[in-house]
């Protein structure tokens, strides 16, 4: 197998940051395809046919940059991979770069079936590599290579109005980085990933919007029905709270009456203990406290009876409980007296 060396390096139009050469590429007389191709010719200064020049004073750094990317470099047709929104079928893949005599850079290529066919048919005769260079025209790294018969064909990514290009220091434009939400030092791959993420987010948003516009009716109830159910729930909750409050008030009065009858609390201290019981958890605290209180008021000897001629009356709390229970003062007092008698008998 033989690989022909280029006779002259030439260049296609480019902006200040990217270079493009073309080198002759031929099969051997036996029809064998080259497995290694020259990408950058020997020499520190690379001169194009239009007089423009590039500097290749550190070919090892170019190879190192290729290795750092840890991905194969495509060989396509007519620089399609450098042209957004154009199909870019691969003719081959360069999986290794090496520096040879005079600083030339060669790549080991594995041809695709499509690439082999066009080479054997001599449909293409040149390799045109694309590389990134700084504003001093110093070559920084390889970008791609293409098979072409028109090496002076303008590349969309480099010459066409509105094309996205990198800045002269080999970095993406700041405006593009800001729009994509990536760091200003982002690579092309990171920018592509950001675009893919935006597309995915858009698809999810469109799906969510469609679901909102066409809701599952089995998951919803009419607003009027919802309001009625809500009103019923609130009414039931209010009634339950009132019932529980009434029972709680009755329990408090019972505990205070028992403590007063046992002589453990004086009538003057009853409001204080009532306020204590009305607090959350206060009734239980009072019950525990009542167990430890000493008898401070001696028994009246009336055994729950009222003194002759005494006028029976309800205190404020008893009046509220009687009103909530729908009892008259007399009925409430009668029930209270009966309860006291039962308590005494039980004791």
C-alpha atoms as a PDB file:
ATOM      1  CA  UNK A   1       0.000   0.000   0.000  1.00  0.00           C
ATOM      2  CA  UNK A   2       1.287   3.475  -0.786  1.00  0.00           C
ATOM      3  CA  UNK A   3       0.158   6.892   0.356  1.00  0.00           C
ATOM      4  CA  UNK A   4       0.825   9.875  -1.873  1.00  0.00           C
ATOM      5  CA  UNK A   5       2.273  13.022  -0.346  1.00  0.00           C
ATOM      6  CA  UNK A   6       0.678  16.364  -1.280  1.00  0.00           C
ATOM      7  CA  UNK A   7       2.503  18.513  -3.733  1.00  0.00           C
ATOM      8  CA  UNK A   8       1.139  21.879  -2.608  1.00  0.00           C
ATOM      9  CA  UNK A   9      -0.886  23.122   0.368  1.00  0.00           C
ATOM     10  CA  UNK A  10      -3.797  25.317  -0.600  1.00  0.00           C
ATOM     11  CA  UNK A  11      -6.630  26.968   1.336  1.00  0.00           C
ATOM     12  CA  UNK A  12     -10.297  27.726   0.913  1.00  0.00           C
ATOM     13  CA  UNK A  13     -11.836  31.028   2.059  1.00  0.00           C
ATOM     14  CA  UNK A  14     -12.077  31.408   5.831  1.00  0.00           C
ATOM     15  CA  UNK A  15     -12.559  33.918   8.568  1.00  0.00           C
ATOM     16  CA  UNK A  16      -9.738  34.864  10.854  1.00  0.00           C
ATOM     17  CA  UNK A  17     -10.086  31.966  13.202  1.00  0.00           C
ATOM     18  CA  UNK A  18     -10.256  28.804  11.104  1.00  0.00           C
ATOM     19  CA  UNK A  19      -8.034  27.416   8.388  1.00  0.00           C
ATOM     20  CA  UNK A  20      -8.794  24.996   5.615  1.00  0.00           C
ATOM     21  CA  UNK A  21      -6.244  23.280   3.357  1.00  0.00           C
ATOM     22  CA  UNK A  22      -6.595  20.584   0.768  1.00  0.00           C
ATOM     23  CA  UNK A  23      -4.193  17.770   0.152  1.00  0.00           C
ATOM     24  CA  UNK A  24      -4.123  15.198  -2.626  1.00  0.00           C
ATOM     25  CA  UNK A  25      -5.535  11.816  -1.715  1.00  0.00           C
ATOM     26  CA  UNK A  26      -5.155   8.823  -4.030  1.00  0.00           C
ATOM     27  CA  UNK A  27      -5.427   5.084  -3.868  1.00  0.00           C
ATOM     28  CA  UNK A  28      -2.510   2.888  -4.829  1.00  0.00           C
ATOM     29  CA  UNK A  29      -2.194   1.319  -8.257  1.00  0.00           C
ATOM     30  CA  UNK A  30      -3.527  -1.893  -6.721  1.00  0.00           C
ATOM     31  CA  UNK A  31      -6.657  -0.110  -5.516  1.00  0.00           C
ATOM     32  CA  UNK A  32      -5.687  -0.217  -1.841  1.00  0.00           C
ATOM     33  CA  UNK A  33      -7.052   2.598   0.274  1.00  0.00           C
ATOM     34  CA  UNK A  34      -4.763   4.714   2.468  1.00  0.00           C
ATOM     35  CA  UNK A  35      -5.057   4.073   6.189  1.00  0.00           C
ATOM     36  CA  UNK A  36      -2.983   7.133   7.079  1.00  0.00           C
ATOM     37  CA  UNK A  37      -3.465  10.585   5.589  1.00  0.00           C
ATOM     38  CA  UNK A  38      -1.550  13.827   5.925  1.00  0.00           C
ATOM     39  CA  UNK A  39      -3.611  16.585   7.527  1.00  0.00           C
ATOM     40  CA  UNK A  40      -1.065  19.379   8.109  1.00  0.00           C
ATOM     41  CA  UNK A  41       1.996  19.572   5.804  1.00  0.00           C
ATOM     42  CA  UNK A  42       5.546  19.919   7.103  1.00  0.00           C
ATOM     43  CA  UNK A  43       6.980  23.305   7.926  1.00  0.00           C
ATOM     44  CA  UNK A  44       6.485  25.995  10.532  1.00  0.00           C
ATOM     45  CA  UNK A  45       4.600  28.264   8.114  1.00  0.00           C
ATOM     46  CA  UNK A  46       1.699  26.968   6.056  1.00  0.00           C
ATOM     47  CA  UNK A  47       0.959  29.077   2.967  1.00  0.00           C
ATOM     48  CA  UNK A  48      -2.284  29.038   1.020  1.00  0.00           C
ATOM     49  CA  UNK A  49      -2.688  29.744  -2.675  1.00  0.00           C
ATOM     50  CA  UNK A  50      -4.324  33.062  -1.876  1.00  0.00           C
ATOM     51  CA  UNK A  51      -1.289  34.186   0.096  1.00  0.00           C
ATOM     52  CA  UNK A  52      -2.685  33.679   3.564  1.00  0.00           C
ATOM     53  CA  UNK A  53      -0.477  31.908   6.080  1.00  0.00           C
ATOM     54  CA  UNK A  54      -0.841  29.880   9.267  1.00  0.00           C
ATOM     55  CA  UNK A  55       1.729  28.976  11.876  1.00  0.00           C
ATOM     56  CA  UNK A  56       2.375  25.385  12.905  1.00  0.00           C
ATOM     57  CA  UNK A  57       5.119  25.868  15.496  1.00  0.00           C
ATOM     58  CA  UNK A  58       3.781  23.393  18.072  1.00  0.00           C
ATOM     59  CA  UNK A  59       2.408  20.317  16.313  1.00  0.00           C
ATOM     60  CA  UNK A  60       2.681  18.263  19.518  1.00  0.00           C
ATOM     61  CA  UNK A  61       0.136  20.570  21.172  1.00  0.00           C
ATOM     62  CA  UNK A  62      -2.274  19.950  18.288  1.00  0.00           C
ATOM     63  CA  UNK A  63      -1.966  16.203  18.790  1.00  0.00           C
ATOM     64  CA  UNK A  64      -2.394  16.613  22.554  1.00  0.00           C
ATOM     65  CA  UNK A  65      -5.558  18.654  22.001  1.00  0.00           C
ATOM     66  CA  UNK A  66      -6.937  15.837  19.840  1.00  0.00           C
ATOM     67  CA  UNK A  67      -6.180  13.247  22.527  1.00  0.00           C
ATOM     68  CA  UNK A  68      -7.759  15.432  25.227  1.00  0.00           C
ATOM     69  CA  UNK A  69     -11.066  15.486  23.338  1.00  0.00           C
ATOM     70  CA  UNK A  70     -11.116  11.675  23.550  1.00  0.00           C
ATOM     71  CA  UNK A  71     -13.298  11.371  20.472  1.00  0.00           C
ATOM     72  CA  UNK A  72     -12.660  10.410  16.876  1.00  0.00           C
ATOM     73  CA  UNK A  73     -12.517  13.154  14.235  1.00  0.00           C
ATOM     74  CA  UNK A  74     -14.882  12.834  11.311  1.00  0.00           C
ATOM     75  CA  UNK A  75     -13.974  12.828   7.632  1.00  0.00           C
ATOM     76  CA  UNK A  76     -17.067  13.984   5.768  1.00  0.00           C
ATOM     77  CA  UNK A  77     -18.041  15.402   2.349  1.00  0.00           C
ATOM     78  CA  UNK A  78     -17.885  19.096   1.412  1.00  0.00           C
ATOM     79  CA  UNK A  79     -17.395  20.200   5.046  1.00  0.00           C
ATOM     80  CA  UNK A  80     -20.962  19.181   5.868  1.00  0.00           C
ATOM     81  CA  UNK A  81     -20.177  18.649   9.554  1.00  0.00           C
ATOM     82  CA  UNK A  82     -19.050  22.279   9.765  1.00  0.00           C
ATOM     83  CA  UNK A  83     -22.318  23.437   8.226  1.00  0.00           C
ATOM     84  CA  UNK A  84     -25.315  23.637  10.586  1.00  0.00           C
ATOM     85  CA  UNK A  85     -28.549  21.923   9.552  1.00  0.00           C
ATOM     86  CA  UNK A  86     -26.871  19.951   6.764  1.00  0.00           C
ATOM     87  CA  UNK A  87     -26.672  16.165   6.787  1.00  0.00           C
ATOM     88  CA  UNK A  88     -23.101  15.121   7.424  1.00  0.00           C
ATOM     89  CA  UNK A  89     -22.570  11.436   6.584  1.00  0.00           C
ATOM     90  CA  UNK A  90     -19.121  10.221   7.530  1.00  0.00           C
ATOM     91  CA  UNK A  91     -16.667   9.020   4.925  1.00  0.00           C
ATOM     92  CA  UNK A  92     -14.262   7.944   7.620  1.00  0.00           C
ATOM     93  CA  UNK A  93     -13.117   8.414  11.203  1.00  0.00           C
ATOM     94  CA  UNK A  94      -9.670   9.556  12.297  1.00  0.00           C
ATOM     95  CA  UNK A  95      -8.805   7.817  15.534  1.00  0.00           C
ATOM     96  CA  UNK A  96      -5.177   8.830  15.990  1.00  0.00           C
ATOM     97  CA  UNK A  97      -2.903  11.762  15.170  1.00  0.00           C
ATOM     98  CA  UNK A  98       0.887  11.807  15.154  1.00  0.00           C
ATOM     99  CA  UNK A  99       3.637  14.257  14.380  1.00  0.00           C
ATOM    100  CA  UNK A 100       6.044  13.244  11.635  1.00  0.00           C
ATOM    101  CA  UNK A 101       9.070  14.699   9.879  1.00  0.00           C
ATOM    102  CA  UNK A 102       9.131  18.465   9.592  1.00  0.00           C
ATOM    103  CA  UNK A 103       6.202  18.892  11.983  1.00  0.00           C
ATOM    104  CA  UNK A 104       3.661  17.429   9.601  1.00  0.00           C
ATOM    105  CA  UNK A 105       0.579  15.913  11.215  1.00  0.00           C
ATOM    106  CA  UNK A 106      -0.819  12.609  10.004  1.00  0.00           C
ATOM    107  CA  UNK A 107      -4.002  10.831  10.984  1.00  0.00           C
ATOM    108  CA  UNK A 108      -4.910   7.179  11.034  1.00  0.00           C
ATOM    109  CA  UNK A 109      -8.277   6.803   9.346  1.00  0.00           C
ATOM    110  CA  UNK A 110     -10.887   4.067   9.235  1.00  0.00           C
ATOM    111  CA  UNK A 111     -13.069   4.466   6.150  1.00  0.00           C
ATOM    112  CA  UNK A 112     -16.791   3.844   6.161  1.00  0.00           C
ATOM    113  CA  UNK A 113     -18.347   1.717   3.381  1.00  0.00           C
ATOM    114  CA  UNK A 114     -19.530   4.941   1.733  1.00  0.00           C
ATOM    115  CA  UNK A 115     -16.045   6.409   1.964  1.00  0.00           C
ATOM    116  CA  UNK A 116     -14.463   3.304   0.488  1.00  0.00           C
ATOM    117  CA  UNK A 117     -16.865   3.325  -2.449  1.00  0.00           C
ATOM    118  CA  UNK A 118     -16.191   6.918  -3.452  1.00  0.00           C
ATOM    119  CA  UNK A 119     -12.436   6.469  -3.067  1.00  0.00           C
ATOM    120  CA  UNK A 120     -12.325   3.345  -5.166  1.00  0.00           C
ATOM    121  CA  UNK A 121     -14.479   5.072  -7.768  1.00  0.00           C
ATOM    122  CA  UNK A 122     -12.126   8.083  -7.654  1.00  0.00           C
ATOM    123  CA  UNK A 123     -15.094  10.344  -7.071  1.00  0.00           C
ATOM    124  CA  UNK A 124     -13.009  12.477  -4.695  1.00  0.00           C
ATOM    125  CA  UNK A 125      -9.323  13.310  -4.924  1.00  0.00           C
ATOM    126  CA  UNK A 126      -8.533  15.638  -2.069  1.00  0.00           C
ATOM    127  CA  UNK A 127      -8.576  15.802   1.715  1.00  0.00           C
ATOM    128  CA  UNK A 128      -9.347  19.232   3.120  1.00  0.00           C
ATOM    129  CA  UNK A 129      -8.691  19.503   6.874  1.00  0.00           C
ATOM    130  CA  UNK A 130     -10.252  22.201   9.034  1.00  0.00           C
ATOM    131  CA  UNK A 131      -8.443  23.527  12.078  1.00  0.00           C
ATOM    132  CA  UNK A 132      -8.867  26.245  14.696  1.00  0.00           C
ATOM    133  CA  UNK A 133      -6.293  29.030  14.911  1.00  0.00           C
ATOM    134  CA  UNK A 134      -5.881  32.057  17.166  1.00  0.00           C
ATOM    135  CA  UNK A 135      -5.780  35.672  16.025  1.00  0.00           C
ATOM    136  CA  UNK A 136      -2.078  35.277  15.290  1.00  0.00           C
ATOM    137  CA  UNK A 137      -2.948  32.472  12.849  1.00  0.00           C
ATOM    138  CA  UNK A 138      -1.309  29.895  15.106  1.00  0.00           C
ATOM    139  CA  UNK A 139      -2.976  26.500  14.641  1.00  0.00           C
ATOM    140  CA  UNK A 140      -4.515  25.327  17.928  1.00  0.00           C
ATOM    141  CA  UNK A 141      -6.353  22.104  17.181  1.00  0.00           C
ATOM    142  CA  UNK A 142      -8.005  20.053  14.471  1.00  0.00           C
ATOM    143  CA  UNK A 143     -11.738  20.285  13.856  1.00  0.00           C
ATOM    144  CA  UNK A 144     -12.545  17.904  10.990  1.00  0.00           C
ATOM    145  CA  UNK A 145     -11.491  16.806   7.523  1.00  0.00           C
ATOM    146  CA  UNK A 146     -13.505  16.484   4.361  1.00  0.00           C
ATOM    147  CA  UNK A 147     -13.331  14.765   0.980  1.00  0.00           C
ATOM    148  CA  UNK A 148     -13.796  17.273  -1.806  1.00  0.00           C
ATOM    149  CA  UNK A 149     -13.034  18.069  -5.408  1.00  0.00           C
ATOM    150  CA  UNK A 150     -13.612  21.791  -4.893  1.00  0.00           C
ATOM    151  CA  UNK A 151     -11.366  22.855  -2.046  1.00  0.00           C
ATOM    152  CA  UNK A 152     -12.209  26.495  -2.636  1.00  0.00           C
ATOM    153  CA  UNK A 153     -15.916  25.863  -1.932  1.00  0.00           C
ATOM    154  CA  UNK A 154     -17.037  28.375   0.755  1.00  0.00           C
ATOM    155  CA  UNK A 155     -17.968  26.758   4.049  1.00  0.00           C
ATOM    156  CA  UNK A 156     -21.238  27.865   5.584  1.00  0.00           C
ATOM    157  CA  UNK A 157     -19.891  27.862   9.126  1.00  0.00           C
ATOM    158  CA  UNK A 158     -17.102  30.202   8.069  1.00  0.00           C
ATOM    159  CA  UNK A 159     -18.358  32.452   5.295  1.00  0.00           C
ATOM    160  CA  UNK A 160     -22.137  32.485   5.112  1.00  0.00           C
ATOM    161  CA  UNK A 161     -23.965  35.407   6.696  1.00  0.00           C
ATOM    162  CA  UNK A 162     -25.594  34.500   9.982  1.00  0.00           C
ATOM    163  CA  UNK A 163     -23.469  31.427  10.529  1.00  0.00           C
ATOM    164  CA  UNK A 164     -22.348  30.688  14.071  1.00  0.00           C
ATOM    165  CA  UNK A 165     -18.591  30.968  14.390  1.00  0.00           C
ATOM    166  CA  UNK A 166     -16.091  30.876  17.194  1.00  0.00           C
ATOM    167  CA  UNK A 167     -14.163  33.944  18.234  1.00  0.00           C
ATOM    168  CA  UNK A 168     -10.574  34.550  17.282  1.00  0.00           C
ATOM    169  CA  UNK A 169      -9.238  32.909  20.441  1.00  0.00           C
ATOM    170  CA  UNK A 170     -10.965  29.657  19.515  1.00  0.00           C
ATOM    171  CA  UNK A 171     -13.874  30.126  21.946  1.00  0.00           C
ATOM    172  CA  UNK A 172     -17.597  30.390  21.307  1.00  0.00           C
ATOM    173  CA  UNK A 173     -19.069  33.924  21.099  1.00  0.00           C
ATOM    174  CA  UNK A 174     -20.005  35.313  24.508  1.00  0.00           C
ATOM    175  CA  UNK A 175     -23.525  36.169  23.345  1.00  0.00           C
ATOM    176  CA  UNK A 176     -24.125  32.576  22.320  1.00  0.00           C
ATOM    177  CA  UNK A 177     -22.767  31.251  25.624  1.00  0.00           C
ATOM    178  CA  UNK A 178     -25.017  33.606  27.571  1.00  0.00           C
ATOM    179  CA  UNK A 179     -28.059  32.646  25.497  1.00  0.00           C
ATOM    180  CA  UNK A 180     -27.401  28.949  26.084  1.00  0.00           C
ATOM    181  CA  UNK A 181     -26.563  29.406  29.759  1.00  0.00           C
ATOM    182  CA  UNK A 182     -23.094  27.869  29.473  1.00  0.00           C
ATOM    183  CA  UNK A 183     -19.734  29.283  30.643  1.00  0.00           C
ATOM    184  CA  UNK A 184     -17.884  31.558  28.244  1.00  0.00           C
ATOM    185  CA  UNK A 185     -15.121  28.936  28.071  1.00  0.00           C
ATOM    186  CA  UNK A 186     -17.588  26.224  26.966  1.00  0.00           C
ATOM    187  CA  UNK A 187     -16.631  23.839  24.197  1.00  0.00           C
ATOM    188  CA  UNK A 188     -18.656  23.103  21.060  1.00  0.00           C
ATOM    189  CA  UNK A 189     -19.824  19.836  22.607  1.00  0.00           C
ATOM    190  CA  UNK A 190     -21.111  21.644  25.702  1.00  0.00           C
ATOM    191  CA  UNK A 191     -22.967  24.120  23.501  1.00  0.00           C
ATOM    192  CA  UNK A 192     -24.554  21.276  21.526  1.00  0.00           C
ATOM    193  CA  UNK A 193     -25.584  19.590  24.800  1.00  0.00           C
ATOM    194  CA  UNK A 194     -27.160  22.849  25.960  1.00  0.00           C
ATOM    195  CA  UNK A 195     -29.156  23.115  22.731  1.00  0.00           C
ATOM    196  CA  UNK A 196     -30.311  19.504  23.123  1.00  0.00           C
ATOM    197  CA  UNK A 197     -31.385  20.239  26.701  1.00  0.00           C
ATOM    198  CA  UNK A 198     -33.374  23.260  25.531  1.00  0.00           C
ATOM    199  CA  UNK A 199     -35.114  21.160  22.886  1.00  0.00           C
ATOM    200  CA  UNK A 200     -35.985  18.531  25.480  1.00  0.00           C
ATOM    201  CA  UNK A 201     -37.329  21.184  27.875  1.00  0.00           C
ATOM    202  CA  UNK A 202     -39.434  22.625  25.058  1.00  0.00           C
ATOM    203  CA  UNK A 203     -40.880  19.208  24.277  1.00  0.00           C
ATOM    204  CA  UNK A 204     -41.764  18.633  27.943  1.00  0.00           C
ATOM    205  CA  UNK A 205     -43.341  22.090  28.178  1.00  0.00           C
ATOM    206  CA  UNK A 206     -45.425  21.453  25.061  1.00  0.00           C
ATOM    207  CA  UNK A 207     -46.554  18.108  26.481  1.00  0.00           C
ATOM    208  CA  UNK A 208     -47.498  19.713  29.803  1.00  0.00           C
ATOM    209  CA  UNK A 209     -49.376  22.493  27.990  1.00  0.00           C
ATOM    210  CA  UNK A 210     -51.297  19.930  25.964  1.00  0.00           C
ATOM    211  CA  UNK A 211     -52.256  18.091  29.143  1.00  0.00           C
ATOM    212  CA  UNK A 212     -53.481  21.342  30.704  1.00  0.00           C
ATOM    213  CA  UNK A 213     -55.513  22.203  27.633  1.00  0.00           C
ATOM    214  CA  UNK A 214     -57.111  18.731  27.504  1.00  0.00           C
ATOM    215  CA  UNK A 215     -57.480  17.661  31.167  1.00  0.00           C
ATOM    216  CA  UNK A 216     -58.628  14.219  32.246  1.00  0.00           C
ATOM    217  CA  UNK A 217     -62.245  14.856  33.226  1.00  0.00           C
ATOM    218  CA  UNK A 218     -62.265  11.821  35.523  1.00  0.00           C
ATOM    219  CA  UNK A 219     -59.843  13.702  37.782  1.00  0.00           C
ATOM    220  CA  UNK A 220     -62.098  16.771  38.242  1.00  0.00           C
ATOM    221  CA  UNK A 221     -65.575  17.630  39.591  1.00  0.00           C
ATOM    222  CA  UNK A 222     -67.818  20.546  38.551  1.00  0.00           C
ATOM    223  CA  UNK A 223     -67.146  23.732  40.521  1.00  0.00           C
ATOM    224  CA  UNK A 224     -70.723  23.931  41.811  1.00  0.00           C
ATOM    225  CA  UNK A 225     -70.540  20.402  43.207  1.00  0.00           C
ATOM    226  CA  UNK A 226     -67.178  21.179  44.732  1.00  0.00           C
ATOM    227  CA  UNK A 227     -68.561  24.246  46.508  1.00  0.00           C
ATOM    228  CA  UNK A 228     -71.517  22.283  47.917  1.00  0.00           C
ATOM    229  CA  UNK A 229     -69.259  19.530  49.204  1.00  0.00           C
ATOM    230  CA  UNK A 230     -66.931  22.094  50.732  1.00  0.00           C
ATOM    231  CA  UNK A 231     -69.852  23.837  52.487  1.00  0.00           C
ATOM    232  CA  UNK A 232     -71.121  20.543  53.884  1.00  0.00           C
ATOM    233  CA  UNK A 233     -67.691  19.673  55.163  1.00  0.00           C
ATOM    234  CA  UNK A 234     -67.282  23.040  56.845  1.00  0.00           C
ATOM    235  CA  UNK A 235     -70.731  22.790  58.433  1.00  0.00           C
ATOM    236  CA  UNK A 236     -70.049  19.311  59.765  1.00  0.00           C
ATOM    237  CA  UNK A 237     -66.694  20.424  61.100  1.00  0.00           C
ATOM    238  CA  UNK A 238     -68.263  23.413  62.851  1.00  0.00           C
ATOM    239  CA  UNK A 239     -70.970  21.253  64.461  1.00  0.00           C
ATOM    240  CA  UNK A 240     -68.390  18.744  65.631  1.00  0.00           C
ATOM    241  CA  UNK A 241     -66.248  21.491  67.118  1.00  0.00           C
ATOM    242  CA  UNK A 242     -69.236  22.940  68.980  1.00  0.00           C
ATOM    243  CA  UNK A 243     -70.175  19.526  70.357  1.00  0.00           C
ATOM    244  CA  UNK A 244     -66.637  18.845  71.465  1.00  0.00           C
ATOM    245  CA  UNK A 245     -66.401  22.300  73.044  1.00  0.00           C
ATOM    246  CA  UNK A 246     -69.608  21.714  75.007  1.00  0.00           C
ATOM    247  CA  UNK A 247     -68.390  18.349  76.257  1.00  0.00           C
ATOM    248  CA  UNK A 248     -65.066  19.870  77.208  1.00  0.00           C
ATOM    249  CA  UNK A 249     -66.742  22.703  79.143  1.00  0.00           C
ATOM    250  CA  UNK A 250     -68.924  20.213  81.000  1.00  0.00           C
ATOM    251  CA  UNK A 251     -65.878  18.135  81.897  1.00  0.00           C
ATOM    252  CA  UNK A 252     -64.081  21.220  83.210  1.00  0.00           C
ATOM    253  CA  UNK A 253     -67.042  22.252  85.361  1.00  0.00           C
ATOM    254  CA  UNK A 254     -67.336  18.732  86.710  1.00  0.00           C
ATOM    255  CA  UNK A 255     -63.667  18.610  87.693  1.00  0.00           C
ATOM    256  CA  UNK A 256     -63.805  22.057  89.333  1.00  0.00           C
ATOM    257  CA  UNK A 257     -67.034  21.203  91.206  1.00  0.00           C
ATOM    258  CA  UNK A 258     -65.470  17.981  92.461  1.00  0.00           C
ATOM    259  CA  UNK A 259     -62.340  19.778  93.629  1.00  0.00           C
ATOM    260  CA  UNK A 260     -64.401  22.488  95.318  1.00  0.00           C
ATOM    261  CA  UNK A 261     -66.622  19.927  97.042  1.00  0.00           C
ATOM    262  CA  UNK A 262     -63.556  18.112  98.305  1.00  0.00           C
ATOM    263  CA  UNK A 263     -62.296  21.414  99.688  1.00  0.00           C
ATOM    264  CA  UNK A 264     -59.199  21.492  97.496  1.00  0.00           C
ATOM    265  CA  UNK A 265     -59.949  24.821  95.812  1.00  0.00           C
ATOM    266  CA  UNK A 266     -61.512  27.948  97.267  1.00  0.00           C
ATOM    267  CA  UNK A 267     -64.344  29.734  95.453  1.00  0.00           C
ATOM    268  CA  UNK A 268     -62.076  32.724  94.942  1.00  0.00           C
ATOM    269  CA  UNK A 269     -59.498  30.599  93.078  1.00  0.00           C
ATOM    270  CA  UNK A 270     -62.006  28.914  90.798  1.00  0.00           C
ATOM    271  CA  UNK A 271     -61.598  31.474  87.904  1.00  0.00           C
ATOM    272  CA  UNK A 272     -57.852  30.853  87.953  1.00  0.00           C
ATOM    273  CA  UNK A 273     -58.285  27.088  87.660  1.00  0.00           C
ATOM    274  CA  UNK A 274     -61.018  27.571  85.056  1.00  0.00           C
ATOM    275  CA  UNK A 275     -58.595  29.569  82.868  1.00  0.00           C
ATOM    276  CA  UNK A 276     -56.009  26.846  83.378  1.00  0.00           C
ATOM    277  CA  UNK A 277     -58.393  24.111  82.242  1.00  0.00           C
ATOM    278  CA  UNK A 278     -59.456  26.055  79.163  1.00  0.00           C
ATOM    279  CA  UNK A 279     -55.928  26.012  77.790  1.00  0.00           C
ATOM    280  CA  UNK A 280     -54.857  23.198  75.499  1.00  0.00           C
ATOM    281  CA  UNK A 281     -54.067  20.196  77.655  1.00  0.00           C
ATOM    282  CA  UNK A 282     -55.058  22.209  80.743  1.00  0.00           C
ATOM    283  CA  UNK A 283     -57.806  19.864  81.914  1.00  0.00           C
ATOM    284  CA  UNK A 284     -55.424  16.914  82.161  1.00  0.00           C
ATOM    285  CA  UNK A 285     -52.906  19.080  84.009  1.00  0.00           C
ATOM    286  CA  UNK A 286     -55.577  20.166  86.469  1.00  0.00           C
ATOM    287  CA  UNK A 287     -56.636  16.559  87.102  1.00  0.00           C
ATOM    288  CA  UNK A 288     -53.055  15.644  87.952  1.00  0.00           C
ATOM    289  CA  UNK A 289     -52.720  18.754  90.125  1.00  0.00           C
ATOM    290  CA  UNK A 290     -55.984  18.057  91.971  1.00  0.00           C
ATOM    291  CA  UNK A 291     -54.608  14.711  93.119  1.00  0.00           C
ATOM    292  CA  UNK A 292     -51.865  16.521  95.036  1.00  0.00           C
ATOM    293  CA  UNK A 293     -53.815  19.504  96.394  1.00  0.00           C
ATOM    294  CA  UNK A 294     -54.501  19.463 100.142  1.00  0.00           C
ATOM    295  CA  UNK A 295     -57.939  20.151 101.622  1.00  0.00           C
ATOM    296  CA  UNK A 296     -58.003  23.871 102.388  1.00  0.00           C
ATOM    297  CA  UNK A 297     -61.752  24.468 102.784  1.00  0.00           C
ATOM    298  CA  UNK A 298     -63.510  22.445 105.517  1.00  0.00           C
ATOM    299  CA  UNK A 299     -66.709  20.602 104.635  1.00  0.00           C
ATOM    300  CA  UNK A 300     -69.906  22.612 105.044  1.00  0.00           C
ATOM    301  CA  UNK A 301     -71.869  19.689 106.405  1.00  0.00           C
ATOM    302  CA  UNK A 302     -74.618  20.294 103.901  1.00  0.00           C
ATOM    303  CA  UNK A 303     -73.751  17.157 101.918  1.00  0.00           C
ATOM    304  CA  UNK A 304     -74.461  18.904  98.658  1.00  0.00           C
ATOM    305  CA  UNK A 305     -77.674  20.543  99.950  1.00  0.00           C
ATOM    306  CA  UNK A 306     -78.193  24.232  99.738  1.00  0.00           C
ATOM    307  CA  UNK A 307     -78.785  26.251 102.889  1.00  0.00           C
ATOM    308  CA  UNK A 308     -82.366  27.041 103.652  1.00  0.00           C
ATOM    309  CA  UNK A 309     -83.483  30.252 102.027  1.00  0.00           C
ATOM    310  CA  UNK A 310     -80.508  30.285  99.613  1.00  0.00           C
ATOM    311  CA  UNK A 311     -81.182  31.413  96.105  1.00  0.00           C
ATOM    312  CA  UNK A 312     -79.827  29.061  93.473  1.00  0.00           C
ATOM    313  CA  UNK A 313     -77.996  30.646  90.523  1.00  0.00           C
ATOM    314  CA  UNK A 314     -75.707  29.615  87.722  1.00  0.00           C
ATOM    315  CA  UNK A 315     -72.271  31.049  87.212  1.00  0.00           C
ATOM    316  CA  UNK A 316     -71.312  32.362  83.793  1.00  0.00           C
ATOM    317  CA  UNK A 317     -69.746  29.082  82.614  1.00  0.00           C
ATOM    318  CA  UNK A 318     -72.760  27.079  83.783  1.00  0.00           C
ATOM    319  CA  UNK A 319     -75.115  29.493  82.054  1.00  0.00           C
ATOM    320  CA  UNK A 320     -73.200  29.028  78.754  1.00  0.00           C
ATOM    321  CA  UNK A 321     -73.273  25.239  79.088  1.00  0.00           C
ATOM    322  CA  UNK A 322     -77.010  25.244  79.920  1.00  0.00           C
ATOM    323  CA  UNK A 323     -77.713  27.440  76.906  1.00  0.00           C
ATOM    324  CA  UNK A 324     -75.734  25.177  74.572  1.00  0.00           C
ATOM    325  CA  UNK A 325     -77.539  22.118  75.985  1.00  0.00           C
ATOM    326  CA  UNK A 326     -80.943  23.811  75.717  1.00  0.00           C
ATOM    327  CA  UNK A 327     -81.619  23.477  79.490  1.00  0.00           C
ATOM    328  CA  UNK A 328     -83.341  25.935  81.786  1.00  0.00           C
ATOM    329  CA  UNK A 329     -81.577  27.031  84.948  1.00  0.00           C
ATOM    330  CA  UNK A 330     -83.785  24.794  87.078  1.00  0.00           C
ATOM    331  CA  UNK A 331     -83.215  21.701  84.927  1.00  0.00           C
ATOM    332  CA  UNK A 332     -79.481  22.317  84.806  1.00  0.00           C
ATOM    333  CA  UNK A 333     -79.266  22.685  88.601  1.00  0.00           C
ATOM    334  CA  UNK A 334     -81.398  19.585  89.085  1.00  0.00           C
ATOM    335  CA  UNK A 335     -79.109  17.578  86.822  1.00  0.00           C
ATOM    336  CA  UNK A 336     -76.076  18.973  88.584  1.00  0.00           C
ATOM    337  CA  UNK A 337     -77.460  18.066  92.001  1.00  0.00           C
ATOM    338  CA  UNK A 338     -78.246  14.524  90.816  1.00  0.00           C
ATOM    339  CA  UNK A 339     -74.732  14.164  89.479  1.00  0.00           C
ATOM    340  CA  UNK A 340     -73.275  15.346  92.812  1.00  0.00           C
ATOM    341  CA  UNK A 341     -75.354  12.796  94.707  1.00  0.00           C
ATOM    342  CA  UNK A 342     -74.158  10.014  92.429  1.00  0.00           C
ATOM    343  CA  UNK A 343     -70.594  11.158  92.962  1.00  0.00           C
ATOM    344  CA  UNK A 344     -71.011  11.041  96.744  1.00  0.00           C
ATOM    345  CA  UNK A 345     -72.543   7.582  96.650  1.00  0.00           C
ATOM    346  CA  UNK A 346     -69.763   6.352  94.424  1.00  0.00           C
ATOM    347  CA  UNK A 347     -67.202   7.740  96.883  1.00  0.00           C
END
